[in-house]
Amino acid sequence: MKLILKITALAIAVMLFTGCSQKQDVNMTEDELPYGSTMRENKTSFAVPMTYDRRFVEEEQVIAVANYFASIQNQDVDLYLENALPVYTEYQVNQVYSYQDTSQLVDNLHQGIVNQTGEDFEFQMILINEFAQDRNFGGLEAMLDLLDNISDSDIKFSEQIQGAWALELELNFLYNKKASFGTVDSQWVYLFKLDDKYYCCM
C-alpha cells in the first residue's frame, strides 16, 4: 500500500511539474521567441523558394535575396545588377578578378555551384537561418570597413546606408534533371538598404 501511495504521489508531482512547464511555454509571446522559431516556407512568391522568420525579415528583403540568387541560378546579368550592391560589384569586376564585364562575375558565381553538382542546377530552397543587424558583428563589420575603403564618395558608405544586415543562408539545390539534391551550408550574405532599396553582396 505504501508503495502504491509513493508511486501515486510521484505521478502527481510529475504531472504538476509538466503542467507548469507547459504553462510557461504557452505564456511566451511570439515576440519573445528567438529567430527561427516561426519560420515561413514560401515556394511560389519569390524568384526562388525561400524560408525565413517573418518576424525579423521584411518581404522586400526576402525579394532582394531571392532575386540575387535567381540571377546567379539563371545567369541573368540584368537581374544581378538590379539586386547586387553596385560599389561591391564594381570592386569585384575591376579589382578582385579583373573581368571585362559583370557577366563574367555572374558566370563565375554560377560555376561555383556547378563545380559541386557537375552540371546545371536550380535552387530548391534557400533558408535564412540567421539574421543579425549588429554592425559590430564580425563579418558585417569587416564588410562595412571594406565598403568604406573602396567607395569613391566623400561620405563613408557606412554613413550613407539606411540599414545593414548579415544573413546566414543554407542553399539547397537540385541537379541531375532534378533527381539529386545538394546543400551549401553557412553562406553569409550581407544586405544593405541604400536610397530606399535593398542590395546584396557576399
N, C-alpha and C. Protein backbone atom coordinates (compact mmCIF):
# COMPACT_ATOMS: atom_id res chain seq x y z
N MET A 1 0.83 -1.20 0.00
CA MET A 1 0.00 0.00 0.00
C MET A 1 0.86 1.25 0.00
N LYS A 2 1.95 1.23 0.84
CA LYS A 2 2.86 2.37 0.89
C LYS A 2 3.50 2.61 -0.47
N LEU A 3 3.87 1.52 -1.15
CA LEU A 3 4.49 1.62 -2.47
C LEU A 3 3.53 2.26 -3.47
N ILE A 4 2.26 1.85 -3.40
CA ILE A 4 1.25 2.43 -4.31
C ILE A 4 1.10 3.93 -4.06
N LEU A 5 1.08 4.31 -2.77
CA LEU A 5 0.95 5.72 -2.43
C LEU A 5 2.14 6.54 -2.94
N LYS A 6 3.34 5.96 -2.81
CA LYS A 6 4.55 6.66 -3.28
C LYS A 6 4.51 6.86 -4.79
N ILE A 7 4.10 5.81 -5.50
CA ILE A 7 4.02 5.89 -6.96
C ILE A 7 2.98 6.92 -7.38
N THR A 8 1.83 6.93 -6.66
CA THR A 8 0.78 7.89 -6.97
C THR A 8 1.25 9.32 -6.72
N ALA A 9 1.94 9.53 -5.61
CA ALA A 9 2.46 10.86 -5.29
C ALA A 9 3.46 11.32 -6.33
N LEU A 10 4.34 10.38 -6.78
CA LEU A 10 5.34 10.72 -7.79
C LEU A 10 4.66 11.10 -9.11
N ALA A 11 3.63 10.36 -9.48
CA ALA A 11 2.91 10.64 -10.73
C ALA A 11 2.26 12.01 -10.69
N ILE A 12 1.66 12.36 -9.52
CA ILE A 12 1.04 13.68 -9.37
C ILE A 12 2.08 14.78 -9.47
N ALA A 13 3.25 14.55 -8.84
CA ALA A 13 4.32 15.55 -8.89
C ALA A 13 4.80 15.77 -10.31
N VAL A 14 4.96 14.68 -11.06
CA VAL A 14 5.40 14.79 -12.47
C VAL A 14 4.39 15.56 -13.29
N MET A 15 3.09 15.26 -13.09
CA MET A 15 2.05 15.96 -13.83
C MET A 15 2.04 17.45 -13.52
N LEU A 16 2.20 17.78 -12.23
CA LEU A 16 2.21 19.17 -11.83
C LEU A 16 3.40 19.91 -12.44
N PHE A 17 4.57 19.24 -12.40
CA PHE A 17 5.77 19.85 -12.97
C PHE A 17 5.63 20.05 -14.48
N THR A 18 5.12 19.03 -15.15
CA THR A 18 4.91 19.11 -16.60
C THR A 18 3.90 20.19 -16.94
N GLY A 19 2.86 20.27 -16.13
CA GLY A 19 1.82 21.28 -16.35
C GLY A 19 2.37 22.68 -16.22
N CYS A 20 3.25 22.89 -15.24
CA CYS A 20 3.86 24.21 -15.05
C CYS A 20 4.74 24.57 -16.24
N SER A 21 5.52 23.57 -16.72
CA SER A 21 6.40 23.81 -17.85
C SER A 21 5.61 24.18 -19.08
N GLN A 22 4.53 23.43 -19.32
CA GLN A 22 3.71 23.71 -20.49
C GLN A 22 3.06 25.08 -20.38
N LYS A 23 2.66 25.45 -19.17
CA LYS A 23 2.02 26.74 -18.96
C LYS A 23 3.00 27.87 -19.27
N GLN A 24 4.30 27.69 -18.87
CA GLN A 24 5.30 28.70 -19.15
C GLN A 24 5.50 28.86 -20.66
N ASP A 25 5.52 27.73 -21.39
CA ASP A 25 5.70 27.79 -22.84
C ASP A 25 4.54 28.52 -23.50
N VAL A 26 3.32 28.22 -23.03
CA VAL A 26 2.13 28.83 -23.63
C VAL A 26 2.12 30.33 -23.38
N ASN A 27 2.63 30.76 -22.22
CA ASN A 27 2.60 32.17 -21.86
C ASN A 27 3.64 33.01 -22.60
N MET A 28 4.61 32.37 -23.26
CA MET A 28 5.61 33.13 -24.01
C MET A 28 4.96 33.76 -25.24
N THR A 29 5.22 35.04 -25.44
CA THR A 29 4.68 35.69 -26.62
C THR A 29 5.57 35.41 -27.82
N GLU A 30 5.03 35.62 -28.99
CA GLU A 30 5.78 35.37 -30.23
C GLU A 30 7.01 36.26 -30.31
N ASP A 31 6.89 37.49 -29.81
CA ASP A 31 8.00 38.44 -29.87
C ASP A 31 9.18 38.01 -29.00
N GLU A 32 8.92 37.18 -27.99
CA GLU A 32 9.98 36.74 -27.09
C GLU A 32 10.77 35.56 -27.65
N LEU A 33 10.24 34.92 -28.68
CA LEU A 33 10.91 33.76 -29.25
C LEU A 33 12.09 34.20 -30.11
N PRO A 34 13.19 33.43 -30.12
CA PRO A 34 14.36 33.81 -30.91
C PRO A 34 14.14 33.61 -32.40
N TYR A 35 15.05 34.16 -33.20
CA TYR A 35 14.96 33.98 -34.65
C TYR A 35 14.94 32.48 -34.98
N GLY A 36 14.07 32.12 -35.92
CA GLY A 36 13.96 30.73 -36.35
C GLY A 36 12.80 29.98 -35.72
N SER A 37 12.13 30.61 -34.76
CA SER A 37 11.02 29.94 -34.08
C SER A 37 9.73 29.94 -34.89
N THR A 38 9.60 30.88 -35.80
CA THR A 38 8.37 30.97 -36.62
C THR A 38 8.76 31.08 -38.09
N MET A 39 9.40 30.04 -38.60
CA MET A 39 9.88 30.05 -39.98
C MET A 39 8.72 29.89 -40.96
N ARG A 40 8.77 30.64 -42.04
CA ARG A 40 7.75 30.57 -43.08
C ARG A 40 8.40 30.07 -44.37
N GLU A 41 7.84 29.02 -44.93
CA GLU A 41 8.32 28.47 -46.21
C GLU A 41 7.43 28.98 -47.33
N ASN A 42 8.06 29.56 -48.34
CA ASN A 42 7.30 30.09 -49.47
C ASN A 42 7.96 29.63 -50.76
N LYS A 43 7.28 28.80 -51.51
CA LYS A 43 7.85 28.20 -52.72
C LYS A 43 7.43 28.91 -54.00
N THR A 44 6.49 29.85 -53.90
CA THR A 44 5.92 30.40 -55.14
C THR A 44 5.98 31.92 -55.27
N SER A 45 6.14 32.65 -54.18
CA SER A 45 6.01 34.11 -54.25
C SER A 45 7.28 34.83 -54.66
N PHE A 46 8.42 34.15 -54.59
CA PHE A 46 9.69 34.79 -54.88
C PHE A 46 10.37 34.13 -56.08
N ALA A 47 11.45 34.75 -56.53
CA ALA A 47 12.14 34.26 -57.72
C ALA A 47 12.71 32.86 -57.52
N VAL A 48 13.07 32.53 -56.29
CA VAL A 48 13.43 31.16 -55.91
C VAL A 48 12.74 30.87 -54.58
N PRO A 49 12.49 29.60 -54.23
CA PRO A 49 11.81 29.29 -52.97
C PRO A 49 12.63 29.78 -51.76
N MET A 50 11.94 30.35 -50.77
CA MET A 50 12.61 30.94 -49.62
C MET A 50 11.94 30.47 -48.33
N THR A 51 12.75 30.30 -47.27
CA THR A 51 12.26 30.05 -45.92
C THR A 51 12.92 31.06 -44.99
N TYR A 52 12.11 31.74 -44.16
CA TYR A 52 12.64 32.80 -43.30
C TYR A 52 11.69 33.01 -42.13
N ASP A 53 12.16 33.71 -41.12
CA ASP A 53 11.33 34.05 -39.96
C ASP A 53 10.68 35.40 -40.22
N ARG A 54 9.40 35.39 -40.46
CA ARG A 54 8.67 36.59 -40.88
C ARG A 54 8.71 37.71 -39.84
N ARG A 55 9.02 37.40 -38.58
CA ARG A 55 9.05 38.43 -37.54
C ARG A 55 10.28 39.33 -37.67
N PHE A 56 11.33 38.81 -38.28
CA PHE A 56 12.59 39.54 -38.35
C PHE A 56 12.89 40.07 -39.75
N VAL A 57 12.44 39.36 -40.78
CA VAL A 57 12.82 39.69 -42.15
C VAL A 57 11.61 40.26 -42.90
N GLU A 58 11.80 41.42 -43.51
CA GLU A 58 10.74 42.04 -44.29
C GLU A 58 10.65 41.39 -45.68
N GLU A 59 9.48 41.45 -46.26
CA GLU A 59 9.29 40.83 -47.58
C GLU A 59 10.21 41.45 -48.63
N GLU A 60 10.43 42.76 -48.55
CA GLU A 60 11.32 43.41 -49.51
C GLU A 60 12.75 42.86 -49.41
N GLN A 61 13.16 42.54 -48.20
CA GLN A 61 14.49 41.97 -48.01
C GLN A 61 14.58 40.57 -48.61
N VAL A 62 13.52 39.79 -48.42
CA VAL A 62 13.48 38.44 -48.98
C VAL A 62 13.49 38.51 -50.51
N ILE A 63 12.76 39.46 -51.07
CA ILE A 63 12.73 39.63 -52.52
C ILE A 63 14.13 39.90 -53.06
N ALA A 64 14.87 40.78 -52.39
CA ALA A 64 16.23 41.12 -52.83
C ALA A 64 17.14 39.89 -52.81
N VAL A 65 17.07 39.12 -51.73
CA VAL A 65 17.90 37.91 -51.62
C VAL A 65 17.50 36.89 -52.67
N ALA A 66 16.20 36.67 -52.84
CA ALA A 66 15.71 35.70 -53.82
C ALA A 66 16.12 36.10 -55.23
N ASN A 67 15.98 37.38 -55.57
CA ASN A 67 16.36 37.85 -56.90
C ASN A 67 17.87 37.72 -57.13
N TYR A 68 18.63 37.99 -56.09
CA TYR A 68 20.10 37.89 -56.18
C TYR A 68 20.52 36.47 -56.56
N PHE A 69 19.94 35.48 -55.87
CA PHE A 69 20.32 34.10 -56.15
C PHE A 69 19.66 33.56 -57.42
N ALA A 70 18.50 34.09 -57.77
CA ALA A 70 17.88 33.71 -59.05
C ALA A 70 18.75 34.19 -60.20
N SER A 71 19.35 35.36 -60.05
CA SER A 71 20.22 35.88 -61.11
C SER A 71 21.45 35.00 -61.29
N ILE A 72 21.95 34.43 -60.19
CA ILE A 72 23.09 33.52 -60.28
C ILE A 72 22.66 32.19 -60.89
N GLN A 73 21.52 31.70 -60.45
CA GLN A 73 20.99 30.44 -61.00
C GLN A 73 20.79 30.53 -62.50
N ASN A 74 20.17 31.62 -62.95
CA ASN A 74 19.78 31.78 -64.35
C ASN A 74 20.80 32.54 -65.18
N GLN A 75 21.90 32.94 -64.54
CA GLN A 75 22.94 33.73 -65.21
C GLN A 75 22.33 34.98 -65.88
N ASP A 76 21.49 35.63 -65.10
CA ASP A 76 20.76 36.80 -65.57
C ASP A 76 21.51 38.06 -65.10
N VAL A 77 22.28 38.64 -65.97
CA VAL A 77 23.14 39.77 -65.60
C VAL A 77 22.31 40.99 -65.21
N ASP A 78 21.26 41.27 -65.93
CA ASP A 78 20.42 42.44 -65.62
C ASP A 78 19.80 42.32 -64.22
N LEU A 79 19.30 41.13 -63.90
CA LEU A 79 18.71 40.91 -62.58
C LEU A 79 19.78 41.02 -61.49
N TYR A 80 20.96 40.53 -61.79
CA TYR A 80 22.07 40.62 -60.83
C TYR A 80 22.39 42.10 -60.54
N LEU A 81 22.50 42.89 -61.59
CA LEU A 81 22.84 44.30 -61.41
C LEU A 81 21.77 45.07 -60.64
N GLU A 82 20.52 44.63 -60.73
CA GLU A 82 19.43 45.27 -60.01
C GLU A 82 19.48 44.99 -58.51
N ASN A 83 20.06 43.85 -58.13
CA ASN A 83 19.98 43.41 -56.74
C ASN A 83 21.33 43.30 -56.02
N ALA A 84 22.42 43.32 -56.77
CA ALA A 84 23.75 43.28 -56.15
C ALA A 84 24.20 44.69 -55.82
N LEU A 85 24.95 44.83 -54.75
CA LEU A 85 25.42 46.15 -54.31
C LEU A 85 26.39 46.72 -55.36
N PRO A 86 26.04 47.86 -55.99
CA PRO A 86 26.84 48.38 -57.11
C PRO A 86 28.32 48.59 -56.79
N VAL A 87 28.63 49.23 -55.67
CA VAL A 87 30.02 49.54 -55.37
C VAL A 87 30.84 48.26 -55.18
N TYR A 88 30.23 47.24 -54.61
CA TYR A 88 30.95 45.97 -54.39
C TYR A 88 31.09 45.20 -55.71
N THR A 89 30.05 45.24 -56.54
CA THR A 89 30.12 44.58 -57.85
C THR A 89 31.24 45.18 -58.69
N GLU A 90 31.32 46.51 -58.70
CA GLU A 90 32.38 47.19 -59.46
C GLU A 90 33.76 46.81 -58.93
N TYR A 91 33.87 46.71 -57.61
CA TYR A 91 35.14 46.33 -56.98
C TYR A 91 35.54 44.90 -57.38
N GLN A 92 34.58 43.97 -57.37
CA GLN A 92 34.88 42.59 -57.75
C GLN A 92 35.29 42.49 -59.22
N VAL A 93 34.53 43.14 -60.08
CA VAL A 93 34.78 43.05 -61.53
C VAL A 93 36.13 43.68 -61.88
N ASN A 94 36.39 44.86 -61.37
CA ASN A 94 37.57 45.62 -61.80
C ASN A 94 38.85 45.33 -61.02
N GLN A 95 38.72 45.05 -59.72
CA GLN A 95 39.92 44.92 -58.91
C GLN A 95 40.20 43.49 -58.44
N VAL A 96 39.18 42.78 -58.01
CA VAL A 96 39.41 41.43 -57.48
C VAL A 96 39.71 40.45 -58.61
N TYR A 97 38.89 40.46 -59.66
CA TYR A 97 39.03 39.47 -60.73
C TYR A 97 39.54 40.05 -62.06
N SER A 98 39.49 41.36 -62.24
CA SER A 98 39.88 41.99 -63.50
C SER A 98 39.11 41.42 -64.68
N TYR A 99 37.79 41.30 -64.50
CA TYR A 99 36.93 40.82 -65.58
C TYR A 99 36.68 41.95 -66.57
N GLN A 100 36.22 41.56 -67.75
CA GLN A 100 35.86 42.55 -68.76
C GLN A 100 34.51 43.18 -68.45
N ASP A 101 33.60 42.39 -67.89
CA ASP A 101 32.27 42.91 -67.56
C ASP A 101 31.64 42.05 -66.47
N THR A 102 30.45 42.45 -66.04
CA THR A 102 29.76 41.78 -64.94
C THR A 102 29.32 40.37 -65.31
N SER A 103 29.08 40.12 -66.58
CA SER A 103 28.62 38.78 -66.99
C SER A 103 29.63 37.71 -66.60
N GLN A 104 30.91 38.04 -66.62
CA GLN A 104 31.93 37.08 -66.21
C GLN A 104 31.85 36.78 -64.72
N LEU A 105 31.52 37.79 -63.93
CA LEU A 105 31.35 37.60 -62.49
C LEU A 105 30.16 36.69 -62.22
N VAL A 106 29.03 36.95 -62.87
CA VAL A 106 27.83 36.13 -62.68
C VAL A 106 28.09 34.69 -63.12
N ASP A 107 28.79 34.51 -64.23
CA ASP A 107 29.14 33.16 -64.70
C ASP A 107 30.02 32.44 -63.67
N ASN A 108 30.94 33.18 -63.06
CA ASN A 108 31.83 32.59 -62.06
C ASN A 108 31.06 32.15 -60.82
N LEU A 109 30.11 32.96 -60.37
CA LEU A 109 29.29 32.60 -59.22
C LEU A 109 28.43 31.37 -59.53
N HIS A 110 27.88 31.34 -60.73
CA HIS A 110 27.09 30.18 -61.17
C HIS A 110 27.96 28.93 -61.23
N GLN A 111 29.15 29.07 -61.78
CA GLN A 111 30.06 27.93 -61.94
C GLN A 111 30.51 27.38 -60.59
N GLY A 112 30.55 28.23 -59.58
CA GLY A 112 30.95 27.77 -58.25
C GLY A 112 30.05 26.67 -57.73
N ILE A 113 28.75 26.76 -58.03
CA ILE A 113 27.82 25.69 -57.62
C ILE A 113 27.87 24.54 -58.61
N VAL A 114 28.00 24.85 -59.89
CA VAL A 114 28.11 23.78 -60.90
C VAL A 114 29.30 22.88 -60.61
N ASN A 115 30.37 23.45 -60.05
CA ASN A 115 31.54 22.64 -59.71
C ASN A 115 31.22 21.57 -58.68
N GLN A 116 30.19 21.81 -57.88
CA GLN A 116 29.77 20.81 -56.88
C GLN A 116 28.80 19.79 -57.47
N THR A 117 27.99 20.24 -58.43
CA THR A 117 26.96 19.35 -58.99
C THR A 117 27.44 18.61 -60.23
N GLY A 118 28.45 19.16 -60.89
CA GLY A 118 28.92 18.54 -62.12
C GLY A 118 28.11 18.95 -63.33
N GLU A 119 27.04 19.69 -63.11
CA GLU A 119 26.19 20.15 -64.21
C GLU A 119 25.29 21.27 -63.72
N ASP A 120 24.33 21.66 -64.52
CA ASP A 120 23.47 22.77 -64.15
C ASP A 120 22.59 22.41 -62.95
N PHE A 121 21.95 23.40 -62.36
CA PHE A 121 21.20 23.20 -61.11
C PHE A 121 20.07 24.22 -61.04
N GLU A 122 19.22 24.05 -60.04
CA GLU A 122 18.26 25.09 -59.66
C GLU A 122 18.06 25.01 -58.16
N PHE A 123 17.77 26.15 -57.55
CA PHE A 123 17.59 26.18 -56.10
C PHE A 123 16.23 25.56 -55.74
N GLN A 124 16.28 24.59 -54.84
CA GLN A 124 15.05 24.01 -54.33
C GLN A 124 14.50 24.84 -53.17
N MET A 125 15.41 25.35 -52.34
CA MET A 125 15.02 26.18 -51.21
C MET A 125 16.25 26.93 -50.69
N ILE A 126 16.06 28.18 -50.32
CA ILE A 126 17.09 28.95 -49.63
C ILE A 126 16.54 29.32 -48.27
N LEU A 127 17.24 28.89 -47.22
CA LEU A 127 16.81 29.15 -45.85
C LEU A 127 17.66 30.27 -45.24
N ILE A 128 17.00 31.29 -44.72
CA ILE A 128 17.69 32.32 -43.95
C ILE A 128 17.71 31.85 -42.50
N ASN A 129 18.82 31.22 -42.10
CA ASN A 129 18.89 30.59 -40.78
C ASN A 129 19.28 31.54 -39.67
N GLU A 130 20.00 32.60 -40.00
CA GLU A 130 20.39 33.60 -39.01
C GLU A 130 20.22 34.98 -39.62
N PHE A 131 19.91 35.96 -38.75
CA PHE A 131 19.64 37.31 -39.22
C PHE A 131 20.14 38.28 -38.16
N ALA A 132 21.21 39.02 -38.48
CA ALA A 132 21.82 39.91 -37.49
C ALA A 132 21.88 41.33 -38.02
N GLN A 133 21.62 42.30 -37.14
CA GLN A 133 21.64 43.71 -37.51
C GLN A 133 22.72 44.48 -36.75
N ASP A 134 23.51 43.79 -35.96
CA ASP A 134 24.55 44.43 -35.16
C ASP A 134 25.74 44.76 -36.06
N ARG A 135 26.03 46.03 -36.22
CA ARG A 135 27.13 46.43 -37.11
C ARG A 135 28.49 46.03 -36.55
N ASN A 136 28.55 45.63 -35.29
CA ASN A 136 29.80 45.15 -34.70
C ASN A 136 29.99 43.64 -34.90
N PHE A 137 28.98 43.00 -35.51
CA PHE A 137 29.10 41.58 -35.85
C PHE A 137 30.29 41.42 -36.80
N GLY A 138 31.14 40.43 -36.54
CA GLY A 138 32.42 40.28 -37.24
C GLY A 138 32.36 40.43 -38.74
N GLY A 139 31.57 39.60 -39.42
CA GLY A 139 31.52 39.64 -40.87
C GLY A 139 30.95 40.93 -41.40
N LEU A 140 29.91 41.43 -40.77
CA LEU A 140 29.27 42.66 -41.22
C LEU A 140 30.19 43.86 -40.99
N GLU A 141 30.85 43.88 -39.86
CA GLU A 141 31.79 44.97 -39.56
C GLU A 141 32.92 44.99 -40.58
N ALA A 142 33.44 43.81 -40.92
CA ALA A 142 34.53 43.73 -41.89
C ALA A 142 34.07 44.18 -43.28
N MET A 143 32.85 43.78 -43.66
CA MET A 143 32.33 44.18 -44.97
C MET A 143 32.12 45.69 -45.03
N LEU A 144 31.59 46.28 -43.96
CA LEU A 144 31.39 47.73 -43.93
C LEU A 144 32.73 48.47 -44.01
N ASP A 145 33.75 47.96 -43.34
CA ASP A 145 35.09 48.58 -43.42
C ASP A 145 35.61 48.54 -44.85
N LEU A 146 35.42 47.38 -45.51
CA LEU A 146 35.86 47.24 -46.90
C LEU A 146 35.11 48.23 -47.80
N LEU A 147 33.80 48.30 -47.64
CA LEU A 147 32.99 49.18 -48.48
C LEU A 147 33.34 50.65 -48.25
N ASP A 148 33.67 51.00 -47.02
CA ASP A 148 34.11 52.37 -46.74
C ASP A 148 35.41 52.68 -47.49
N ASN A 149 36.28 51.68 -47.56
CA ASN A 149 37.60 51.89 -48.18
C ASN A 149 37.54 51.94 -49.71
N ILE A 150 36.60 51.19 -50.30
CA ILE A 150 36.56 51.13 -51.77
C ILE A 150 35.62 52.17 -52.38
N SER A 151 34.82 52.80 -51.56
CA SER A 151 33.88 53.81 -52.06
C SER A 151 34.62 55.09 -52.45
N ASP A 152 34.24 55.66 -53.59
CA ASP A 152 34.86 56.91 -54.05
C ASP A 152 34.21 58.15 -53.45
N SER A 153 33.10 57.96 -52.78
CA SER A 153 32.35 59.10 -52.24
C SER A 153 33.09 59.76 -51.08
N ASP A 154 32.87 61.06 -50.92
CA ASP A 154 33.45 61.79 -49.79
C ASP A 154 32.82 61.35 -48.47
N ILE A 155 31.59 60.84 -48.56
CA ILE A 155 30.89 60.34 -47.37
C ILE A 155 31.09 58.83 -47.29
N LYS A 156 31.45 58.33 -46.14
CA LYS A 156 31.65 56.90 -45.97
C LYS A 156 30.40 56.12 -46.35
N PHE A 157 30.61 54.98 -46.95
CA PHE A 157 29.47 54.13 -47.33
C PHE A 157 28.61 53.80 -46.12
N SER A 158 29.25 53.50 -44.99
CA SER A 158 28.52 53.12 -43.77
C SER A 158 27.66 54.25 -43.24
N GLU A 159 27.94 55.49 -43.65
CA GLU A 159 27.15 56.63 -43.22
C GLU A 159 26.05 56.97 -44.23
N GLN A 160 26.12 56.40 -45.41
CA GLN A 160 25.11 56.65 -46.44
C GLN A 160 23.90 55.73 -46.32
N ILE A 161 24.14 54.54 -45.80
CA ILE A 161 23.10 53.50 -45.83
C ILE A 161 22.06 53.70 -44.74
N GLN A 162 20.87 53.16 -45.01
CA GLN A 162 19.77 53.23 -44.05
C GLN A 162 19.69 52.00 -43.16
N GLY A 163 20.47 50.99 -43.46
CA GLY A 163 20.48 49.78 -42.65
C GLY A 163 21.46 48.77 -43.21
N ALA A 164 21.93 47.86 -42.34
CA ALA A 164 22.87 46.81 -42.75
C ALA A 164 22.54 45.55 -41.97
N TRP A 165 22.57 44.41 -42.65
CA TRP A 165 22.21 43.12 -42.04
C TRP A 165 23.14 42.02 -42.54
N ALA A 166 23.38 41.06 -41.67
CA ALA A 166 24.14 39.85 -42.04
C ALA A 166 23.17 38.67 -42.01
N LEU A 167 23.14 37.89 -43.08
CA LEU A 167 22.24 36.75 -43.19
C LEU A 167 23.06 35.48 -43.41
N GLU A 168 22.81 34.48 -42.58
CA GLU A 168 23.46 33.18 -42.77
C GLU A 168 22.49 32.28 -43.49
N LEU A 169 22.86 31.83 -44.68
CA LEU A 169 21.95 31.07 -45.54
C LEU A 169 22.37 29.62 -45.67
N GLU A 170 21.37 28.78 -45.89
CA GLU A 170 21.58 27.40 -46.33
C GLU A 170 20.99 27.30 -47.73
N LEU A 171 21.81 26.95 -48.70
CA LEU A 171 21.37 26.85 -50.09
C LEU A 171 21.12 25.39 -50.45
N ASN A 172 19.88 25.07 -50.74
CA ASN A 172 19.53 23.71 -51.17
C ASN A 172 19.22 23.74 -52.66
N PHE A 173 19.82 22.83 -53.41
CA PHE A 173 19.63 22.86 -54.86
C PHE A 173 19.42 21.46 -55.42
N LEU A 174 18.83 21.42 -56.60
CA LEU A 174 18.56 20.19 -57.32
C LEU A 174 19.40 20.16 -58.60
N TYR A 175 19.80 18.95 -58.99
CA TYR A 175 20.56 18.81 -60.23
C TYR A 175 20.31 17.40 -60.77
N ASN A 176 21.07 16.99 -61.80
CA ASN A 176 20.81 15.70 -62.47
C ASN A 176 19.35 15.60 -62.87
N LYS A 177 18.89 16.66 -63.58
CA LYS A 177 17.49 16.73 -64.01
C LYS A 177 16.53 16.55 -62.85
N LYS A 178 16.87 17.21 -61.73
CA LYS A 178 16.05 17.26 -60.51
C LYS A 178 15.98 15.94 -59.75
N ALA A 179 16.87 15.02 -60.06
CA ALA A 179 16.86 13.72 -59.36
C ALA A 179 17.77 13.71 -58.14
N SER A 180 18.74 14.62 -58.09
CA SER A 180 19.70 14.66 -56.98
C SER A 180 19.58 15.96 -56.21
N PHE A 181 20.07 15.92 -54.98
CA PHE A 181 19.90 17.04 -54.06
C PHE A 181 21.24 17.39 -53.43
N GLY A 182 21.52 18.69 -53.29
CA GLY A 182 22.76 19.14 -52.65
C GLY A 182 22.51 20.33 -51.76
N THR A 183 23.47 20.63 -50.89
CA THR A 183 23.34 21.73 -49.94
C THR A 183 24.65 22.48 -49.81
N VAL A 184 24.57 23.81 -49.75
CA VAL A 184 25.72 24.65 -49.39
C VAL A 184 25.37 25.28 -48.05
N ASP A 185 26.10 24.93 -47.01
CA ASP A 185 25.80 25.44 -45.66
C ASP A 185 26.57 26.73 -45.38
N SER A 186 26.01 27.54 -44.50
CA SER A 186 26.70 28.71 -43.93
C SER A 186 27.28 29.63 -44.98
N GLN A 187 26.43 30.04 -45.89
CA GLN A 187 26.80 31.08 -46.86
C GLN A 187 26.35 32.43 -46.32
N TRP A 188 27.31 33.27 -45.96
CA TRP A 188 26.95 34.58 -45.42
C TRP A 188 26.70 35.58 -46.54
N VAL A 189 25.61 36.27 -46.47
CA VAL A 189 25.25 37.31 -47.42
C VAL A 189 24.97 38.59 -46.62
N TYR A 190 25.39 39.71 -47.17
CA TYR A 190 25.20 40.99 -46.48
C TYR A 190 24.20 41.82 -47.27
N LEU A 191 23.27 42.38 -46.55
CA LEU A 191 22.15 43.11 -47.14
C LEU A 191 22.22 44.56 -46.67
N PHE A 192 22.13 45.48 -47.63
CA PHE A 192 22.21 46.90 -47.29
C PHE A 192 21.03 47.65 -47.90
N LYS A 193 20.52 48.62 -47.14
CA LYS A 193 19.46 49.47 -47.65
C LYS A 193 20.07 50.82 -47.99
N LEU A 194 20.00 51.16 -49.27
CA LEU A 194 20.59 52.38 -49.78
C LEU A 194 19.58 53.06 -50.70
N ASP A 195 19.25 54.31 -50.41
CA ASP A 195 18.26 55.06 -51.20
C ASP A 195 16.94 54.28 -51.31
N ASP A 196 16.51 53.74 -50.18
CA ASP A 196 15.21 53.02 -50.07
C ASP A 196 15.17 51.73 -50.87
N LYS A 197 16.31 51.17 -51.22
CA LYS A 197 16.33 49.90 -51.94
C LYS A 197 17.32 48.96 -51.27
N TYR A 198 17.01 47.65 -51.30
CA TYR A 198 17.89 46.64 -50.70
C TYR A 198 18.83 46.05 -51.74
N TYR A 199 20.10 45.90 -51.35
CA TYR A 199 21.12 45.31 -52.21
C TYR A 199 21.87 44.22 -51.44
N CYS A 200 22.33 43.21 -52.17
CA CYS A 200 23.06 42.08 -51.58
C CYS A 200 24.51 42.07 -52.03
N CYS A 201 25.35 41.47 -51.21
CA CYS A 201 26.71 41.12 -51.62
C CYS A 201 27.19 39.97 -50.74
N MET A 202 28.18 39.24 -51.26
CA MET A 202 28.73 38.12 -50.48
C MET A 202 30.19 37.88 -50.87
